[in-house]
Structure formats: C-alpha cells, structure tokens
Amino acid sequence: MTALNAQAQIIQRAATAFQRGAWNEAAELCEQAIGQFGEDANSLMILGVIRFEGGDPAGAIDYLERARDLMPTHIHVLVNLGAAYRAVGRLHEARIALEAALQVDRRFAIAHNNLGNVLLDIGDRAAAKKEYERAVVAQPNYAEPIAGLARIAEEEHRLEDARRLSERALGLTPQNVSARLTRARVELRDGDASNAAAALENLLRDGSPTATNRVIGEGYLGEAYDKLGRFDEAFAAFSRANAIQFSQHKQAFENDRGPLSPDTVRRLDTFVAAADLASWREAPPASGITPVFLVGFPRSGTTLLDQILASHPGITTLEERDTLGNAVEALIRVGEGFDRWALLPTDEIERLRSLYWAQVTTGLLGAPIKGVFVDKLPLNAVFLPLIYRLFPKAKIILAIRDPRDVVLSCFQQRFGMNAAMFQLLTLDGAVTYYDAVMALVEASRAKLPLDIHMVKYESVVEDFDATVMQLLSYLGLDWDEAVRDYSATAKGREIGTPSAAQVVQPLYRSAQGKWQKYRSFLEPHLPMLAKWVETFGYRPS
C-alpha cells in the first residue's frame, strides 16, 4: 500500500468516526495521519469542525485557516471556515470565505444558505433572501434556507408567511432550530406568550441549539416570561442570553479603544470640557442642505421618531448608517488626540463633509433628498462635538426616555455587537456606559452652541399631536396627517433595530415605568442613574 493510500484510509476512518459522533476517535485518527504524513487539508478540516462543534470556534479557525492555506479551493473547508468566522463575529471574513466557496460551485446549497445567514447578520436582508432562495432552488428539500426565509418574513412583519415557511421547514426537518425559533416568535407576536414560552423551553432544553441560536432563544423566552408577568424568570433568561454573548465577544471588545468605546467617550468628555472655542477656526458655511441628526442612547425612542418623521412628505430619513466614519477616523483616533480641531483647515472640513454626503448617498440607494434630511443613528450622540465641528448649524433631535427604562430595555435586547453594545450585556456595564454617554452629551450642550430639540419618548406616547407638532415646527415644517400613520411606514421599510416589531404597532403605554417590575435587579444601580432621572425631569425612585 502506498503512503498516499494509507493516508487516505486513515482520513476516511476519521471522517466515518466523526459522522457517527465518535469525535475523540476521529481526532486521534486525524492526529495520527498528520503525525505520519504531515498536515493535509482534510485532517485539519475535521479537527477544526470538531473544535467548532465542541464550542471553540476560535480554535476551529486556526485549523481551518491552515487547511485553506493547503487547499484554497476546498469547498468544505471554505464553508466551515465561513461558519466559524460568523460564530466569532468576523462577518466580513465569513462572507469572503463563503463567496470563495461559491466560486468553486455556484450550486452548492449549503454555501448559499450560510452566506444568507451572514448577510442577514450584516443587515442586508434583501441579499440574504436571494441567497436563501438560491439554496432552495439548488436543493428544494433543504430545510435551513426555508427556515431563513421564514425568519425574514417575520422580520418583515409577514407573520402568516413566516408561520407557513416555518411549518414547511419543520415538515422536512422536525427539529430545525431556526424554524422552531421563528414559529415561537410568531406565536409571541400573535399574543400567545404561554405557548411560545413552552416551545422555547423545550427547544432550549432538548434542541441542542448553537450558541447564536441559544442567545436568540433565551431572548425570546425572556420576552415571553415578561408578557406572562414572570419577571424573575424573564430576567434570568435575558441574563443567560447576555452571558453567552459576553463570553463570545469578550476578547474582541472588553479592552476596545475604538470610537464608541468607554475610553473614547471619556476622552471626548475631557476634551470638550477643556476646549477653548475662541481658538477654533470657523467652519465654512455649508453649501446646500444641512443635515438634521437624530441621536440618543439606544432604546430611547429614536426608531419611533424616525418612522414618524419618515412619514412626513417633506422629510427624507436615513436609518442606522455610519455616515460620520471618515470624520471619526480623521479626528478621533486614539493616540492623536484632538490637536487638529482648533485650526482644522477649511479644505479638510469640506473634504470630510463630502465624504459624509457620499455615505448618505450610498445609504439612500438612490432615494431623493427632500427639503429636510434626517440622519438617525442613536450613538452619534457621542459625536456631538464632531458634528458641531463639521456642521455647526446642524439641528440635533435628542431623544430622551426614563433612564431606568432605557438601561433595562438595553439589557433585554439582542443587538449587533460592537464596543458600545458590548457594554449593554451587563446591567453594571449598561448603567456605567449610559452615565458616560449622557455626561458627554450634557458637557457638549453646556460648552457648544448646539441647536438641540429634546423629545421625550413618554411625551410622544402621552400627547402625540402636540409633541410631534413641536418637533415639526422645530424643523420648519407644517403638520401633515401622514405622520399619524407611521406604523404603515414602518411596515414598508427595512428596520434593522430591535424596535422593528414594536414600531409597527399603535402607541402603547406598557413600556413606561417597566423598570419597576425589575426593581430588585436595578436597585444597586439606581444611585448612579438618579442624577439623570433628575436632569431629565422624571420622578425619583
């Protein structure tokens, strides 16, 4: 027997052992093959998949990257590498790996499905839908992409389609986790929290979901318990979901010093407090339209305001796009400080403005800009000093909500992960980050001549007409009846925030004062929030 045949036989035995669940045996055989014949793509791939299935995606990536180096067009290596990258949040690299797999075989259904998952994580729902549909065309009885289409239907508020597609996927694979999650979500949105909770309990106990799906499932379960008034159990479910995410993202974000990190928020706060505005070179007048920035801490009502404003025929809104990224990179980089701000050349301001509008144009996908343009990204609140430096005449809409409800709601959500959202995975982190961000906002309001209009979430709910009329007047616009139908606007838009399922409903008051139901958990954090409760005029604890 040749060495090549002997190697192939050992690897085949390893693959057979892996398929029957004998992972230790499979790993030993792969190590044997590598020890006798050197590294090969298939042995490394099996070892990587074992690591991945064992809950170690970072370890899996090491093996799978080595396998790819040995055989760059090995389609199964590329697909598994894409899955591992996705598991640790390296979505750009996951997309590249999966697109490389599809270059090898355009009809490989698993690659289309996994690419759909990544695109959905990125927020490109339309592209994800196309990939799922391609997977179904290539393999009509493949349950995973059908479940992916069900998830998209639910996110687009097509609940009957979501239910039908979930059942179709479950008819093919009765234990499909994604389809079971979507079916439970539909039940929850239909008001059947009891059945949703039971289904989610069974899934989390017996369904062997991935870490990502367990986060989703625990989050949905927390929502179901909340609706059932089982608040201690709800808090426990949210805590379990957050603990998983914290573990997944700790290495990437715990010591992050990027633009939205606590470190940068503190540096900006210090800079603003000490800034000598008299020494700043005046910014040139803006040509054309000046943007309006809709900002506020997450879960403060920015998505609701965005849908209301988007319903007005005289307003164009852009939701959740990093339009200031180039300016942030140029003026708020760690290590360079803020020495350039005072004497920032006119041509540099114009250049950064042009880059801003290029991002806006890309984000609007060809939609025209009407008389008023609103750029909505909540944590642009951190960049109020930068906004003032580039657009000193810009109007700022600052969304405010009871700080206690804000931090609780943040803790209960599943956000796309970055340095800011990582802070919200614990109550202590959420409260501390809220305190830092709002301190920066208040420092900016005190030091800079910002044109700010504050809108309280509670005022929108309690007196919609008067509150929205004041907001429109601030923007120089007349009342239009279309703003009342904001929920119809929301249903027709792709909303990439946790508020998507809420802003398609009529206004409701149940979210006000919700923190009282979780008071025992919030109690240690109330002293830090007390000053903001007072600052924004809410009743004290």
Protein backbone atom coordinates (compact mmCIF):
# COMPACT_ATOMS: atom_id res chain seq x y z
CA MET A 1 0.00 0.00 0.00
CA THR A 2 1.36 3.41 -0.94
CA ALA A 3 1.76 6.15 1.65
CA LEU A 4 -0.92 8.14 -0.16
CA ASN A 5 -3.40 5.27 0.08
CA ALA A 6 -2.55 4.68 3.74
CA GLN A 7 -3.10 8.36 4.50
CA ALA A 8 -6.42 8.36 2.63
CA GLN A 9 -7.62 5.31 4.56
CA ILE A 10 -6.84 6.87 7.94
CA ILE A 11 -8.62 10.10 6.96
CA GLN A 12 -11.63 8.11 5.70
CA ARG A 13 -11.81 6.27 9.01
CA ALA A 14 -11.63 9.63 10.80
CA ALA A 15 -14.47 11.00 8.68
CA THR A 16 -16.61 7.92 9.38
CA ALA A 17 -15.92 8.21 13.11
CA PHE A 18 -16.86 11.89 13.05
CA GLN A 19 -20.13 11.20 11.23
CA ARG A 20 -21.22 8.70 13.86
CA GLY A 21 -20.35 11.12 16.65
CA ALA A 22 -17.14 9.46 17.84
CA TRP A 23 -15.24 12.74 17.94
CA ASN A 24 -12.37 11.60 20.14
CA GLU A 25 -11.68 8.70 17.82
CA ALA A 26 -11.90 10.98 14.78
CA ALA A 27 -9.47 13.46 16.33
CA GLU A 28 -6.98 10.73 17.23
CA LEU A 29 -7.07 9.38 13.69
CA CYS A 30 -6.52 12.85 12.22
CA GLU A 31 -3.57 13.44 14.55
CA GLN A 32 -2.22 10.04 13.54
CA ALA A 33 -2.48 10.95 9.85
CA ILE A 34 -0.76 14.29 10.42
CA GLY A 35 1.94 12.70 12.56
CA GLN A 36 2.75 10.07 9.92
CA PHE A 37 2.27 12.03 6.69
CA GLY A 38 2.25 15.71 7.59
CA GLU A 39 -0.60 18.21 7.57
CA ASP A 40 -3.34 17.80 4.99
CA ALA A 41 -6.49 19.82 4.36
CA ASN A 42 -8.98 17.08 5.23
CA SER A 43 -7.44 16.13 8.58
CA LEU A 44 -7.18 19.78 9.58
CA MET A 45 -10.76 20.38 8.48
CA ILE A 46 -12.10 17.52 10.60
CA LEU A 47 -10.13 18.76 13.60
CA GLY A 48 -11.47 22.24 13.00
CA VAL A 49 -15.07 21.06 12.76
CA ILE A 50 -14.65 19.05 15.96
CA ARG A 51 -13.43 22.21 17.70
CA PHE A 52 -16.34 24.18 16.25
CA GLU A 53 -18.97 21.65 17.26
CA GLY A 54 -17.37 21.49 20.68
CA GLY A 55 -17.95 25.19 21.22
CA ASP A 56 -14.49 26.50 20.33
CA PRO A 57 -14.89 28.48 17.08
CA ALA A 58 -11.64 30.38 17.65
CA GLY A 59 -9.74 27.08 17.86
CA ALA A 60 -11.61 25.86 14.80
CA ILE A 61 -10.49 28.88 12.80
CA ASP A 62 -6.83 28.04 13.40
CA TYR A 63 -7.23 24.55 11.94
CA LEU A 64 -9.48 25.67 9.08
CA GLU A 65 -7.22 28.51 8.01
CA ARG A 66 -4.31 26.08 7.86
CA ALA A 67 -6.48 23.76 5.79
CA ARG A 68 -7.36 26.60 3.42
CA ASP A 69 -3.69 27.50 3.04
CA LEU A 70 -3.02 23.94 1.90
CA MET A 71 -6.06 23.74 -0.42
CA PRO A 72 -7.58 27.18 -1.17
CA THR A 73 -10.42 25.75 -3.31
CA HIS A 74 -11.56 23.01 -0.89
CA ILE A 75 -15.23 23.91 -0.79
CA HIS A 76 -15.99 22.18 2.52
CA VAL A 77 -13.05 23.90 4.21
CA LEU A 78 -14.29 27.26 2.96
CA VAL A 79 -17.87 26.66 4.09
CA ASN A 80 -16.80 25.52 7.55
CA LEU A 81 -14.38 28.42 7.85
CA GLY A 82 -17.21 30.80 6.97
CA ALA A 83 -19.34 29.29 9.74
CA ALA A 84 -16.52 29.63 12.27
CA TYR A 85 -15.81 33.24 11.32
CA ARG A 86 -19.51 34.03 11.69
CA ALA A 87 -19.61 32.46 15.14
CA VAL A 88 -16.97 34.88 16.44
CA GLY A 89 -18.45 37.92 14.69
CA ARG A 90 -15.88 38.16 11.88
CA LEU A 91 -18.64 38.67 9.35
CA HIS A 92 -16.58 40.28 6.59
CA GLU A 93 -14.17 37.33 6.55
CA ALA A 94 -17.09 34.89 6.73
CA ARG A 95 -18.60 36.48 3.65
CA ILE A 96 -15.30 36.28 1.75
CA ALA A 97 -14.87 32.59 2.60
CA LEU A 98 -18.41 31.70 1.53
CA GLU A 99 -18.22 33.71 -1.67
CA ALA A 100 -14.98 31.85 -2.43
CA ALA A 101 -16.83 28.55 -1.91
CA LEU A 102 -19.47 29.64 -4.41
CA GLN A 103 -16.75 30.44 -6.91
CA VAL A 104 -15.89 26.74 -6.72
CA ASP A 105 -19.50 25.58 -7.11
CA ARG A 106 -22.31 28.06 -7.85
CA ARG A 107 -24.97 25.49 -6.97
CA PHE A 108 -23.63 24.50 -3.56
CA ALA A 109 -26.74 24.95 -1.45
CA ILE A 110 -25.00 24.97 1.93
CA ALA A 111 -22.74 27.83 0.86
CA HIS A 112 -25.74 29.85 -0.36
CA ASN A 113 -27.56 29.22 2.91
CA ASN A 114 -24.59 30.12 5.10
CA LEU A 115 -23.92 33.24 3.06
CA GLY A 116 -27.57 34.16 3.59
CA ASN A 117 -27.02 33.82 7.35
CA VAL A 118 -24.02 36.15 7.22
CA LEU A 119 -25.81 38.72 5.07
CA LEU A 120 -28.73 38.68 7.49
CA ASP A 121 -26.30 39.29 10.37
CA ILE A 122 -24.79 42.21 8.45
CA GLY A 123 -28.26 43.64 7.94
CA ASP A 124 -28.61 43.13 4.18
CA ARG A 125 -31.97 41.38 4.28
CA ALA A 126 -32.63 41.63 0.54
CA ALA A 127 -29.32 39.96 -0.36
CA ALA A 128 -29.84 37.29 2.32
CA LYS A 129 -33.25 36.48 0.87
CA LYS A 130 -31.71 35.95 -2.57
CA GLU A 131 -29.12 33.56 -1.16
CA TYR A 132 -31.74 31.53 0.69
CA GLU A 133 -33.84 31.33 -2.48
CA ARG A 134 -30.81 30.18 -4.47
CA ALA A 135 -30.17 27.48 -1.88
CA VAL A 136 -33.76 26.24 -2.18
CA VAL A 137 -33.53 26.18 -5.99
CA ALA A 138 -30.33 24.14 -5.75
CA GLN A 139 -31.76 21.79 -3.10
CA PRO A 140 -35.58 22.06 -2.79
CA ASN A 141 -35.87 19.90 0.33
CA TYR A 142 -33.16 21.73 2.29
CA ALA A 143 -34.86 22.97 5.44
CA GLU A 144 -32.30 25.55 6.59
CA PRO A 145 -32.80 28.17 3.85
CA ILE A 146 -36.57 27.73 4.10
CA ALA A 147 -36.22 28.49 7.80
CA GLY A 148 -34.10 31.52 6.86
CA LEU A 149 -36.88 32.76 4.59
CA ALA A 150 -39.32 32.26 7.47
CA ARG A 151 -37.14 34.42 9.70
CA ILE A 152 -37.04 37.17 7.07
CA ALA A 153 -40.83 37.01 6.68
CA GLU A 154 -41.21 37.54 10.44
CA GLU A 155 -38.78 40.46 10.37
CA GLU A 156 -40.82 41.96 7.53
CA HIS A 157 -43.99 41.51 9.62
CA ARG A 158 -45.45 38.94 7.19
CA LEU A 159 -46.49 36.71 10.04
CA GLU A 160 -48.66 34.30 8.04
CA ASP A 161 -45.81 33.73 5.57
CA ALA A 162 -43.43 33.24 8.49
CA ARG A 163 -45.73 30.64 10.02
CA ARG A 164 -46.20 28.81 6.71
CA LEU A 165 -42.50 28.73 5.90
CA SER A 166 -41.61 27.61 9.43
CA GLU A 167 -44.06 24.72 9.17
CA ARG A 168 -42.66 23.81 5.75
CA ALA A 169 -39.13 23.68 7.15
CA LEU A 170 -40.29 21.64 10.13
CA GLY A 171 -42.08 19.24 7.82
CA LEU A 172 -38.69 18.50 6.28
CA THR A 173 -36.65 18.60 9.50
CA PRO A 174 -38.90 18.48 12.59
CA GLN A 175 -36.14 19.61 14.95
CA ASN A 176 -34.91 22.53 12.84
CA VAL A 177 -33.88 25.09 15.44
CA SER A 178 -34.22 28.22 13.32
CA ALA A 179 -37.74 27.29 12.21
CA ARG A 180 -38.76 26.49 15.77
CA LEU A 181 -37.44 29.86 16.92
CA THR A 182 -39.36 31.71 14.23
CA ARG A 183 -42.58 29.80 14.95
CA ALA A 184 -42.26 30.69 18.63
CA ARG A 185 -41.59 34.32 17.71
CA VAL A 186 -44.74 34.43 15.60
CA GLU A 187 -46.76 32.97 18.48
CA LEU A 188 -45.28 35.60 20.77
CA ARG A 189 -46.19 38.41 18.39
CA ASP A 190 -49.68 36.97 17.99
CA GLY A 191 -50.16 37.26 21.74
CA ASP A 192 -49.75 33.58 22.64
CA ALA A 193 -46.92 34.02 25.14
CA SER A 194 -47.80 30.83 27.02
CA ASN A 195 -47.38 28.52 24.01
CA ALA A 196 -44.30 30.45 22.89
CA ALA A 197 -42.69 30.02 26.32
CA ALA A 198 -43.43 26.28 26.38
CA ALA A 199 -42.00 25.80 22.89
CA LEU A 200 -38.87 27.78 23.73
CA GLU A 201 -38.35 25.91 27.00
CA ASN A 202 -38.47 22.62 25.07
CA LEU A 203 -36.12 23.91 22.40
CA LEU A 204 -33.54 25.20 24.86
CA ARG A 205 -33.72 22.02 26.91
CA ASP A 206 -33.72 19.43 24.13
CA GLY A 207 -32.94 21.16 20.85
CA SER A 208 -29.14 21.44 21.07
CA PRO A 209 -29.08 24.94 19.51
CA THR A 210 -25.85 26.64 18.55
CA ALA A 211 -24.62 29.41 20.81
CA THR A 212 -26.08 32.02 18.45
CA ASN A 213 -29.49 30.35 18.39
CA ARG A 214 -29.39 29.86 22.14
CA VAL A 215 -28.93 33.62 22.54
CA ILE A 216 -31.96 34.22 20.32
CA GLY A 217 -33.99 31.56 22.10
CA GLU A 218 -33.20 32.83 25.59
CA GLY A 219 -34.04 36.36 24.45
CA TYR A 220 -37.42 35.28 23.08
CA LEU A 221 -38.06 33.28 26.24
CA GLY A 222 -37.32 36.35 28.33
CA GLU A 223 -39.87 38.30 26.28
CA ALA A 224 -42.45 35.55 26.75
CA TYR A 225 -41.92 35.41 30.51
CA ASP A 226 -42.14 39.21 30.64
CA LYS A 227 -45.53 39.16 28.90
CA LEU A 228 -46.69 36.48 31.33
CA GLY A 229 -45.63 38.58 34.32
CA ARG A 230 -42.92 36.10 35.32
CA PHE A 231 -40.33 38.83 35.77
CA ASP A 232 -37.69 36.97 37.78
CA GLU A 233 -37.63 34.19 35.17
CA ALA A 234 -37.55 36.79 32.39
CA PHE A 235 -34.52 38.49 33.92
CA ALA A 236 -32.79 35.13 34.29
CA ALA A 237 -33.40 34.31 30.61
CA PHE A 238 -32.08 37.69 29.44
CA SER A 239 -29.06 37.21 31.70
CA ARG A 240 -28.30 33.80 30.18
CA ALA A 241 -28.50 35.23 26.66
CA ASN A 242 -26.19 38.09 27.58
CA ALA A 243 -23.72 35.83 29.35
CA ILE A 244 -23.30 33.79 26.17
CA GLN A 245 -22.72 36.92 24.11
CA PHE A 246 -20.34 38.33 26.70
CA SER A 247 -18.24 35.17 26.52
CA GLN A 248 -18.31 35.20 22.71
CA HIS A 249 -17.22 38.83 22.36
CA LYS A 250 -15.12 39.48 25.47
CA GLN A 251 -11.80 39.06 23.71
CA ALA A 252 -12.76 41.43 20.89
CA PHE A 253 -14.39 44.23 22.86
CA GLU A 254 -13.50 44.15 26.55
CA ASN A 255 -10.43 46.34 26.04
CA ASP A 256 -11.55 48.06 22.84
CA ARG A 257 -10.49 51.71 22.49
CA GLY A 258 -12.37 52.45 19.28
CA PRO A 259 -14.72 55.38 18.56
CA LEU A 260 -17.66 54.14 20.67
CA SER A 261 -15.66 52.62 23.49
CA PRO A 262 -15.99 53.94 27.05
CA ASP A 263 -12.39 55.12 26.77
CA THR A 264 -13.16 57.33 23.77
CA VAL A 265 -16.35 58.66 25.38
CA ARG A 266 -14.30 59.75 28.40
CA ARG A 267 -11.59 61.32 26.22
CA LEU A 268 -14.17 63.31 24.31
CA ASP A 269 -15.80 64.44 27.55
CA THR A 270 -12.46 65.69 28.87
CA PHE A 271 -11.66 67.39 25.58
CA VAL A 272 -14.98 69.22 25.37
CA ALA A 273 -14.74 70.43 28.98
CA ALA A 274 -11.31 71.94 28.32
CA ALA A 275 -11.90 73.21 24.76
CA ASP A 276 -11.29 76.89 24.02
CA LEU A 277 -13.85 77.61 21.30
CA ALA A 278 -12.42 81.07 20.74
CA SER A 279 -9.30 79.44 19.31
CA TRP A 280 -11.22 77.33 16.79
CA ARG A 281 -11.04 78.38 13.16
CA GLU A 282 -14.58 78.99 11.94
CA ALA A 283 -16.02 76.32 9.71
CA PRO A 284 -17.04 77.45 6.22
CA PRO A 285 -20.76 77.84 5.51
CA ALA A 286 -22.32 74.59 4.30
CA SER A 287 -23.44 74.60 0.70
CA GLY A 288 -26.87 73.13 0.06
CA ILE A 289 -28.85 71.27 2.69
CA THR A 290 -27.64 70.88 6.28
CA PRO A 291 -28.38 67.51 7.88
CA VAL A 292 -30.53 67.02 10.95
CA PHE A 293 -29.09 64.45 13.37
CA LEU A 294 -31.45 62.24 15.37
CA VAL A 295 -29.50 60.91 18.35
CA GLY A 296 -29.99 59.45 21.81
CA PHE A 297 -28.97 56.48 23.88
CA PRO A 298 -30.24 53.18 22.40
CA ARG A 299 -33.82 52.28 23.37
CA SER A 300 -34.75 55.94 23.93
CA GLY A 301 -37.33 56.13 21.14
CA THR A 302 -35.17 57.08 18.16
CA THR A 303 -36.69 54.40 15.91
CA LEU A 304 -40.21 55.57 16.70
CA LEU A 305 -39.26 59.18 15.92
CA ASP A 306 -37.54 58.04 12.73
CA GLN A 307 -40.72 56.33 11.46
CA ILE A 308 -42.86 59.34 12.37
CA LEU A 309 -40.55 61.72 10.54
CA ALA A 310 -40.17 59.38 7.56
CA SER A 311 -43.96 59.52 7.16
CA HIS A 312 -43.89 63.28 6.51
CA PRO A 313 -43.82 64.11 2.78
CA GLY A 314 -41.20 66.82 3.31
CA ILE A 315 -38.63 64.64 5.11
CA THR A 316 -36.07 62.09 3.97
CA THR A 317 -34.61 59.90 6.71
CA LEU A 318 -31.60 57.61 6.74
CA GLU A 319 -31.59 54.95 9.41
CA GLU A 320 -28.58 53.48 11.17
CA ARG A 321 -25.70 54.14 8.78
CA ASP A 322 -22.22 55.17 9.87
CA THR A 323 -22.10 58.37 7.83
CA LEU A 324 -19.52 60.02 10.09
CA GLY A 325 -17.00 57.20 9.94
CA ASN A 326 -14.44 59.04 7.82
CA ALA A 327 -14.54 62.10 10.06
CA VAL A 328 -14.25 59.94 13.17
CA GLU A 329 -11.23 58.20 11.68
CA ALA A 330 -9.61 61.53 10.85
CA LEU A 331 -10.32 63.42 14.07
CA ILE A 332 -10.94 61.00 16.95
CA ARG A 333 -8.26 58.37 16.55
CA VAL A 334 -6.63 57.05 19.71
CA GLY A 335 -3.11 58.41 20.10
CA GLU A 336 -3.54 61.54 18.00
CA GLY A 337 -5.67 63.47 20.49
CA PHE A 338 -7.61 66.47 19.34
CA ASP A 339 -4.79 68.82 18.43
CA ARG A 340 -6.08 69.30 14.87
CA TRP A 341 -9.54 70.52 15.82
CA ALA A 342 -8.82 74.17 16.57
CA LEU A 343 -7.04 75.01 13.31
CA LEU A 344 -8.73 72.46 11.09
CA PRO A 345 -8.23 73.74 7.52
CA THR A 346 -11.27 74.74 5.52
CA ASP A 347 -10.43 72.28 2.75
CA GLU A 348 -10.26 69.44 5.29
CA ILE A 349 -13.72 70.30 6.62
CA GLU A 350 -15.05 70.39 3.06
CA ARG A 351 -13.38 67.04 2.31
CA LEU A 352 -14.95 65.40 5.36
CA ARG A 353 -18.33 66.87 4.50
CA SER A 354 -18.05 65.42 1.00
CA LEU A 355 -17.23 62.01 2.41
CA TYR A 356 -20.22 62.33 4.74
CA TRP A 357 -22.59 63.05 1.87
CA ALA A 358 -21.10 60.20 -0.17
CA GLN A 359 -22.05 57.83 2.64
CA VAL A 360 -25.54 59.36 2.76
CA THR A 361 -25.98 58.90 -1.00
CA THR A 362 -24.91 55.28 -0.78
CA GLY A 363 -27.23 54.64 2.15
CA LEU A 364 -30.26 56.18 0.47
CA LEU A 365 -29.97 53.79 -2.51
CA GLY A 366 -30.99 56.44 -5.00
CA ALA A 367 -33.86 57.92 -2.99
CA PRO A 368 -34.05 61.71 -3.41
CA ILE A 369 -33.37 64.07 -0.52
CA LYS A 370 -36.40 66.21 0.21
CA GLY A 371 -36.48 69.56 1.98
CA VAL A 372 -35.36 68.13 5.33
CA PHE A 373 -32.83 65.31 5.69
CA VAL A 374 -32.67 63.40 8.99
CA ASP A 375 -29.66 61.19 9.78
CA LYS A 376 -30.72 58.78 12.53
CA LEU A 377 -28.06 56.90 14.43
CA PRO A 378 -28.58 56.92 18.21
CA LEU A 379 -24.97 56.82 19.34
CA ASN A 380 -23.98 59.69 17.11
CA ALA A 381 -24.77 61.37 20.43
CA VAL A 382 -21.16 60.50 21.28
CA PHE A 383 -20.04 62.56 18.29
CA LEU A 384 -21.94 65.77 19.02
CA PRO A 385 -18.63 67.69 19.25
CA LEU A 386 -17.59 66.31 15.86
CA ILE A 387 -21.00 67.13 14.35
CA TYR A 388 -20.63 70.69 15.59
CA ARG A 389 -17.11 70.95 14.12
CA LEU A 390 -18.30 69.86 10.66
CA PHE A 391 -21.86 71.18 10.64
CA PRO A 392 -22.11 73.97 13.25
CA LYS A 393 -25.60 74.94 12.02
CA ALA A 394 -26.99 71.39 12.12
CA LYS A 395 -30.18 70.78 14.07
CA ILE A 396 -30.00 67.99 16.66
CA ILE A 397 -33.00 65.97 17.79
CA LEU A 398 -32.12 64.41 21.15
CA ALA A 399 -34.38 61.50 22.13
CA ILE A 400 -34.80 61.04 25.88
CA ARG A 401 -36.55 58.36 27.91
CA ASP A 402 -36.62 57.49 31.60
CA PRO A 403 -33.02 56.35 32.21
CA ARG A 404 -34.18 53.38 34.28
CA ASP A 405 -36.38 52.10 31.46
CA VAL A 406 -33.56 52.74 28.97
CA VAL A 407 -30.90 50.65 30.68
CA LEU A 408 -33.35 47.84 31.44
CA SER A 409 -34.52 47.75 27.83
CA CYS A 410 -30.92 47.77 26.58
CA PHE A 411 -30.12 44.80 28.81
CA GLN A 412 -33.12 42.92 27.40
CA GLN A 413 -32.21 43.31 23.71
CA ARG A 414 -30.00 41.37 21.33
CA PHE A 415 -28.01 43.96 19.40
CA GLY A 416 -25.48 43.56 16.65
CA MET A 417 -22.21 43.61 18.50
CA ASN A 418 -19.69 46.43 18.71
CA ALA A 419 -17.78 48.11 21.54
CA ALA A 420 -20.85 50.07 22.64
CA MET A 421 -23.33 47.20 22.53
CA PHE A 422 -20.87 45.03 24.45
CA GLN A 423 -21.28 47.39 27.41
CA LEU A 424 -25.02 46.63 27.48
CA LEU A 425 -24.59 42.90 28.15
CA THR A 426 -24.49 43.53 31.92
CA LEU A 427 -26.58 45.94 33.96
CA ASP A 428 -23.45 47.40 35.50
CA GLY A 429 -21.94 47.97 32.05
CA ALA A 430 -25.16 49.45 30.67
CA VAL A 431 -25.57 51.88 33.57
CA THR A 432 -21.92 52.94 33.51
CA TYR A 433 -21.97 53.46 29.74
CA TYR A 434 -25.24 55.39 29.92
CA ASP A 435 -23.74 57.63 32.58
CA ALA A 436 -20.62 58.27 30.47
CA VAL A 437 -22.53 58.99 27.25
CA MET A 438 -25.05 61.30 28.88
CA ALA A 439 -22.26 63.13 30.71
CA LEU A 440 -20.65 63.77 27.32
CA VAL A 441 -23.99 64.90 25.89
CA GLU A 442 -24.51 67.33 28.77
CA ALA A 443 -20.93 68.61 28.51
CA SER A 444 -21.46 69.20 24.79
CA ARG A 445 -24.76 71.01 25.41
CA ALA A 446 -23.12 73.20 28.04
CA LYS A 447 -19.97 74.08 26.09
CA LEU A 448 -21.01 74.09 22.43
CA PRO A 449 -23.70 76.31 20.85
CA LEU A 450 -25.63 73.28 19.60
CA ASP A 451 -29.13 73.70 18.16
CA ILE A 452 -30.85 70.90 20.12
CA HIS A 453 -34.51 69.96 20.42
CA MET A 454 -35.22 67.36 23.10
CA VAL A 455 -38.07 64.88 22.60
CA LYS A 456 -39.20 62.64 25.44
CA TYR A 457 -40.47 59.20 24.48
CA GLU A 458 -43.16 59.48 27.14
CA SER A 459 -44.41 62.75 25.64
CA VAL A 460 -44.80 61.13 22.23
CA VAL A 461 -46.90 58.40 23.80
CA GLU A 462 -48.97 60.66 26.06
CA ASP A 463 -49.54 63.61 23.71
CA PHE A 464 -48.59 62.57 20.20
CA ASP A 465 -50.04 65.52 18.30
CA ALA A 466 -48.58 68.30 20.44
CA THR A 467 -45.15 66.64 20.72
CA VAL A 468 -44.83 65.87 17.01
CA MET A 469 -46.19 69.30 16.05
CA GLN A 470 -43.47 70.95 18.15
CA LEU A 471 -40.85 68.75 16.53
CA LEU A 472 -42.05 69.55 13.01
CA SER A 473 -42.12 73.25 13.87
CA TYR A 474 -38.50 72.98 15.04
CA LEU A 475 -37.67 71.52 11.62
CA GLY A 476 -39.53 74.34 9.85
CA LEU A 477 -42.36 72.09 8.66
CA ASP A 478 -46.13 72.14 8.95
CA TRP A 479 -48.20 69.34 10.40
CA ASP A 480 -49.16 66.59 7.98
CA GLU A 481 -51.73 63.89 8.76
CA ALA A 482 -49.41 61.28 7.27
CA VAL A 483 -47.30 61.28 10.43
CA ARG A 484 -50.14 59.56 12.27
CA ASP A 485 -49.73 56.54 10.02
CA TYR A 486 -46.12 55.90 10.99
CA SER A 487 -46.79 52.19 11.60
CA ALA A 488 -47.67 51.74 7.91
CA THR A 489 -44.42 53.50 7.03
CA ALA A 490 -42.52 51.14 9.32
CA LYS A 491 -44.07 48.07 7.72
CA GLY A 492 -42.77 49.16 4.34
CA ARG A 493 -39.21 49.84 5.49
CA GLU A 494 -36.29 47.61 6.38
CA ILE A 495 -35.68 48.41 10.05
CA GLY A 496 -32.50 46.93 11.43
CA THR A 497 -33.09 47.62 15.12
CA PRO A 498 -34.69 45.64 17.97
CA SER A 499 -37.62 48.09 17.83
CA ALA A 500 -38.80 46.78 14.45
CA ALA A 501 -41.65 44.68 15.85
CA GLN A 502 -42.75 47.48 18.17
CA VAL A 503 -42.96 50.45 15.79
CA VAL A 504 -45.44 48.64 13.52
CA GLN A 505 -47.92 48.66 16.43
CA PRO A 506 -50.11 51.51 17.65
CA LEU A 507 -48.66 53.56 20.51
CA TYR A 508 -48.80 51.76 23.83
CA ARG A 509 -48.00 52.75 27.41
CA SER A 510 -46.91 49.40 28.82
CA ALA A 511 -43.21 50.21 28.34
CA GLN A 512 -43.41 53.24 30.62
CA GLY A 513 -42.17 52.59 34.13
CA LYS A 514 -41.40 48.99 33.24
CA TRP A 515 -38.25 49.18 35.32
CA GLN A 516 -40.42 48.99 38.46
CA LYS A 517 -41.18 45.35 37.62
CA TYR A 518 -37.45 44.61 37.74
CA ARG A 519 -36.66 46.95 40.60
CA SER A 520 -34.90 44.33 42.71
CA PHE A 521 -32.32 43.83 39.94
CA LEU A 522 -31.92 47.54 39.23
CA GLU A 523 -31.71 48.61 42.89
CA PRO A 524 -27.89 48.61 43.13
CA HIS A 525 -27.68 50.84 40.05
CA LEU A 526 -30.33 53.41 40.89
CA PRO A 527 -27.94 55.82 42.67
CA MET A 528 -25.85 56.27 39.51
CA LEU A 529 -28.99 56.86 37.46
CA ALA A 530 -30.57 59.23 39.98
CA LYS A 531 -28.85 62.34 38.65
CA TRP A 532 -30.10 61.62 35.13
CA VAL A 533 -33.59 60.93 36.41
CA GLU A 534 -33.48 64.39 37.96
CA THR A 535 -31.76 66.06 34.99
CA PHE A 536 -34.42 64.91 32.56
CA GLY A 537 -37.33 65.60 34.89
CA TYR A 538 -38.52 62.12 35.80
CA ARG A 539 -39.94 61.12 39.15
CA PRO A 540 -37.26 59.96 41.59
CA SER A 541 -37.02 56.36 42.71
